[in-house]
């Protein structure tokens, strides 16, 4: 036989107490998510990747130039207008026909750079499927090379490295 007095004297949480604890946890979780702001964190990390990529590309271009008597990579010359770089895996004829800069001479041996980096927001290419999202130009008067990452996030200015 069941002793009903014993069951009534057992302690436990009421439904109201459980709901109150769940509500407090939800509020705290919301505050933490807002404080962490994952969208901003991801955007900042992609911008940091872009910054590293433009430096890597520029270093590879200058290393190639040093090893090749001052000649820059590519079948043509790097112009004064910003031109998007072509992916390493694309045929040179395809690059020139789609107004992209082909600097695959740097990647063919892997000596200067294994493959051109691609902008984190452009895995399939920013200018169609063949672009990297990074642009290169050469100042007509000083001869200095500039590599840019124009697709920055979080309202940051265009990432530019010039040497």
Protein backbone atom coordinates (compact mmCIF):
# COMPACT_ATOMS: atom_id res chain seq x y z
CA UNK A 1 0.00 0.00 0.00
CA UNK A 2 1.21 3.52 -0.90
CA UNK A 3 1.72 5.98 1.90
CA UNK A 4 0.36 9.31 0.55
CA UNK A 5 1.69 11.32 3.51
CA UNK A 6 5.20 10.26 2.66
CA UNK A 7 4.81 11.30 -1.00
CA UNK A 8 3.49 14.78 -0.03
CA UNK A 9 6.48 15.41 2.23
CA UNK A 10 9.07 14.78 -0.51
CA UNK A 11 10.87 17.88 -1.70
CA UNK A 12 11.24 18.88 -5.36
CA UNK A 13 11.20 21.82 -7.75
CA UNK A 14 7.95 23.39 -8.83
CA UNK A 15 7.24 24.14 -12.45
CA UNK A 16 7.62 27.86 -11.78
CA UNK A 17 11.10 27.39 -10.31
CA UNK A 18 12.26 25.32 -13.28
CA UNK A 19 10.89 27.88 -15.77
CA UNK A 20 12.58 30.71 -13.90
CA UNK A 21 15.97 28.97 -14.02
CA UNK A 22 15.57 28.22 -17.75
CA UNK A 23 14.67 31.88 -18.42
CA UNK A 24 17.73 33.12 -16.49
CA UNK A 25 20.01 30.76 -18.42
CA UNK A 26 18.51 31.93 -21.72
CA UNK A 27 19.05 35.59 -20.81
CA UNK A 28 22.68 34.94 -19.81
CA UNK A 29 23.30 32.97 -23.01
CA UNK A 30 21.89 35.86 -25.06
CA UNK A 31 24.18 38.33 -23.31
CA UNK A 32 27.22 36.12 -23.93
CA UNK A 33 26.39 35.68 -27.63
CA UNK A 34 25.96 39.44 -28.05
CA UNK A 35 29.23 40.10 -26.21
CA UNK A 36 31.16 37.57 -28.30
CA UNK A 37 29.51 38.69 -31.59
CA UNK A 38 30.52 35.77 -33.82
CA UNK A 39 29.79 37.70 -37.02
CA UNK A 40 32.32 40.36 -36.12
CA UNK A 41 34.86 37.78 -35.00
CA UNK A 42 34.55 35.87 -38.28
CA UNK A 43 34.80 39.08 -40.32
CA UNK A 44 37.90 40.14 -38.40
CA UNK A 45 39.54 36.75 -38.93
CA UNK A 46 38.81 36.88 -42.68
CA UNK A 47 40.31 40.40 -42.82
CA UNK A 48 43.41 39.11 -41.02
CA UNK A 49 43.66 36.33 -43.63
CA UNK A 50 43.38 38.90 -46.42
CA UNK A 51 46.15 40.96 -44.86
CA UNK A 52 48.43 37.93 -44.67
CA UNK A 53 47.55 36.95 -48.25
CA UNK A 54 48.41 40.33 -49.81
CA UNK A 55 51.75 40.32 -47.99
CA UNK A 56 52.46 36.77 -49.18
CA UNK A 57 51.63 37.65 -52.80
CA UNK A 58 53.79 40.78 -52.73
CA UNK A 59 56.71 38.91 -51.15
CA UNK A 60 56.47 36.21 -53.83
CA UNK A 61 56.37 38.80 -56.63
CA UNK A 62 59.51 40.52 -55.35
CA UNK A 63 61.33 37.24 -54.75
CA UNK A 64 60.50 36.20 -58.31
CA UNK A 65 61.72 39.58 -59.56
CA UNK A 66 65.00 39.24 -57.67
CA UNK A 67 65.65 35.78 -59.09
CA UNK A 68 64.76 36.82 -62.66
CA UNK A 69 66.88 39.95 -63.22
CA UNK A 70 64.13 42.36 -62.20
CA UNK A 71 61.50 40.86 -64.50
CA UNK A 72 58.03 40.60 -63.02
CA UNK A 73 55.93 37.44 -63.35
CA UNK A 74 53.34 37.17 -66.04
CA UNK A 75 53.28 37.12 -69.83
CA UNK A 76 52.53 40.86 -69.92
CA UNK A 77 53.53 43.67 -67.67
CA UNK A 78 51.75 44.64 -64.50
CA UNK A 79 49.83 47.80 -65.39
CA UNK A 80 49.02 50.92 -63.42
CA UNK A 81 45.37 49.93 -63.13
CA UNK A 82 44.26 47.46 -60.48
CA UNK A 83 43.89 44.06 -62.14
CA UNK A 84 42.53 41.01 -60.38
CA UNK A 85 44.86 38.05 -60.15
CA UNK A 86 43.95 34.80 -61.85
CA UNK A 87 43.83 31.58 -59.87
CA UNK A 88 46.86 29.32 -60.16
CA UNK A 89 44.81 26.41 -61.49
CA UNK A 90 43.41 28.32 -64.50
CA UNK A 91 45.02 28.15 -67.95
CA UNK A 92 46.94 31.33 -68.85
CA UNK A 93 44.90 31.84 -72.04
CA UNK A 94 41.72 31.87 -69.99
CA UNK A 95 43.17 34.48 -67.64
CA UNK A 96 44.16 36.93 -70.35
CA UNK A 97 40.86 36.53 -72.20
CA UNK A 98 38.91 37.42 -69.04
CA UNK A 99 41.02 40.49 -68.15
CA UNK A 100 42.75 38.84 -65.22
CA UNK A 101 46.48 39.06 -64.47
CA UNK A 102 48.26 35.75 -64.94
CA UNK A 103 51.27 35.40 -62.63
CA UNK A 104 51.36 31.61 -62.72
CA UNK A 105 55.11 31.73 -63.41
CA UNK A 106 55.52 32.16 -59.64
CA UNK A 107 53.46 29.08 -58.84
CA UNK A 108 54.61 26.69 -61.57
CA UNK A 109 57.65 25.43 -59.64
CA UNK A 110 56.36 26.15 -56.14
CA UNK A 111 59.60 27.99 -55.41
CA UNK A 112 57.99 31.35 -54.71
CA UNK A 113 54.47 30.37 -53.69
CA UNK A 114 52.68 27.04 -53.99
CA UNK A 115 49.39 28.56 -55.17
CA UNK A 116 47.92 32.02 -55.18
CA UNK A 117 45.68 32.54 -52.16
CA UNK A 118 41.99 33.16 -52.78
CA UNK A 119 39.92 35.69 -50.84
CA UNK A 120 38.02 33.91 -48.02
CA UNK A 121 34.67 35.24 -49.29
CA UNK A 122 35.41 34.22 -52.89
CA UNK A 123 36.11 30.48 -52.85
CA UNK A 124 34.73 30.16 -56.38
CA UNK A 125 36.32 33.39 -57.60
CA UNK A 126 35.32 37.01 -57.32
CA UNK A 127 35.45 37.81 -61.04
CA UNK A 128 33.68 34.75 -62.24
CA UNK A 129 35.20 31.42 -61.32
CA UNK A 130 38.77 32.38 -62.26
CA UNK A 131 39.62 35.36 -60.02
CA UNK A 132 41.29 35.29 -56.63
CA UNK A 133 39.72 38.47 -55.26
CA UNK A 134 43.15 40.14 -54.92
CA UNK A 135 44.32 42.93 -57.23
CA UNK A 136 47.78 44.01 -58.33
CA UNK A 137 49.13 47.18 -59.92
CA UNK A 138 52.42 48.94 -60.56
CA UNK A 139 52.92 52.66 -60.05
CA UNK A 140 53.94 54.19 -63.38
CA UNK A 141 56.34 56.74 -61.88
CA UNK A 142 57.96 54.91 -58.96
CA UNK A 143 57.70 51.34 -60.23
CA UNK A 144 56.39 50.17 -56.86
CA UNK A 145 54.08 47.15 -56.79
CA UNK A 146 50.78 47.30 -54.87
CA UNK A 147 48.63 44.31 -53.94
CA UNK A 148 45.11 44.98 -52.65
CA UNK A 149 42.30 43.05 -51.01
CA UNK A 150 39.20 45.11 -51.90
CA UNK A 151 36.59 42.78 -50.38
CA UNK A 152 37.14 43.69 -46.73
CA UNK A 153 34.40 43.32 -44.13
CA UNK A 154 33.20 45.16 -41.03
CA UNK A 155 33.53 48.52 -42.80
CA UNK A 156 37.32 48.24 -42.82
CA UNK A 157 39.27 50.08 -45.52
CA UNK A 158 40.77 48.19 -48.46
CA UNK A 159 43.82 46.22 -47.35
CA UNK A 160 46.79 47.48 -49.36
CA UNK A 161 50.48 46.60 -49.28
CA UNK A 162 52.97 48.53 -51.42
CA UNK A 163 56.71 48.06 -51.85
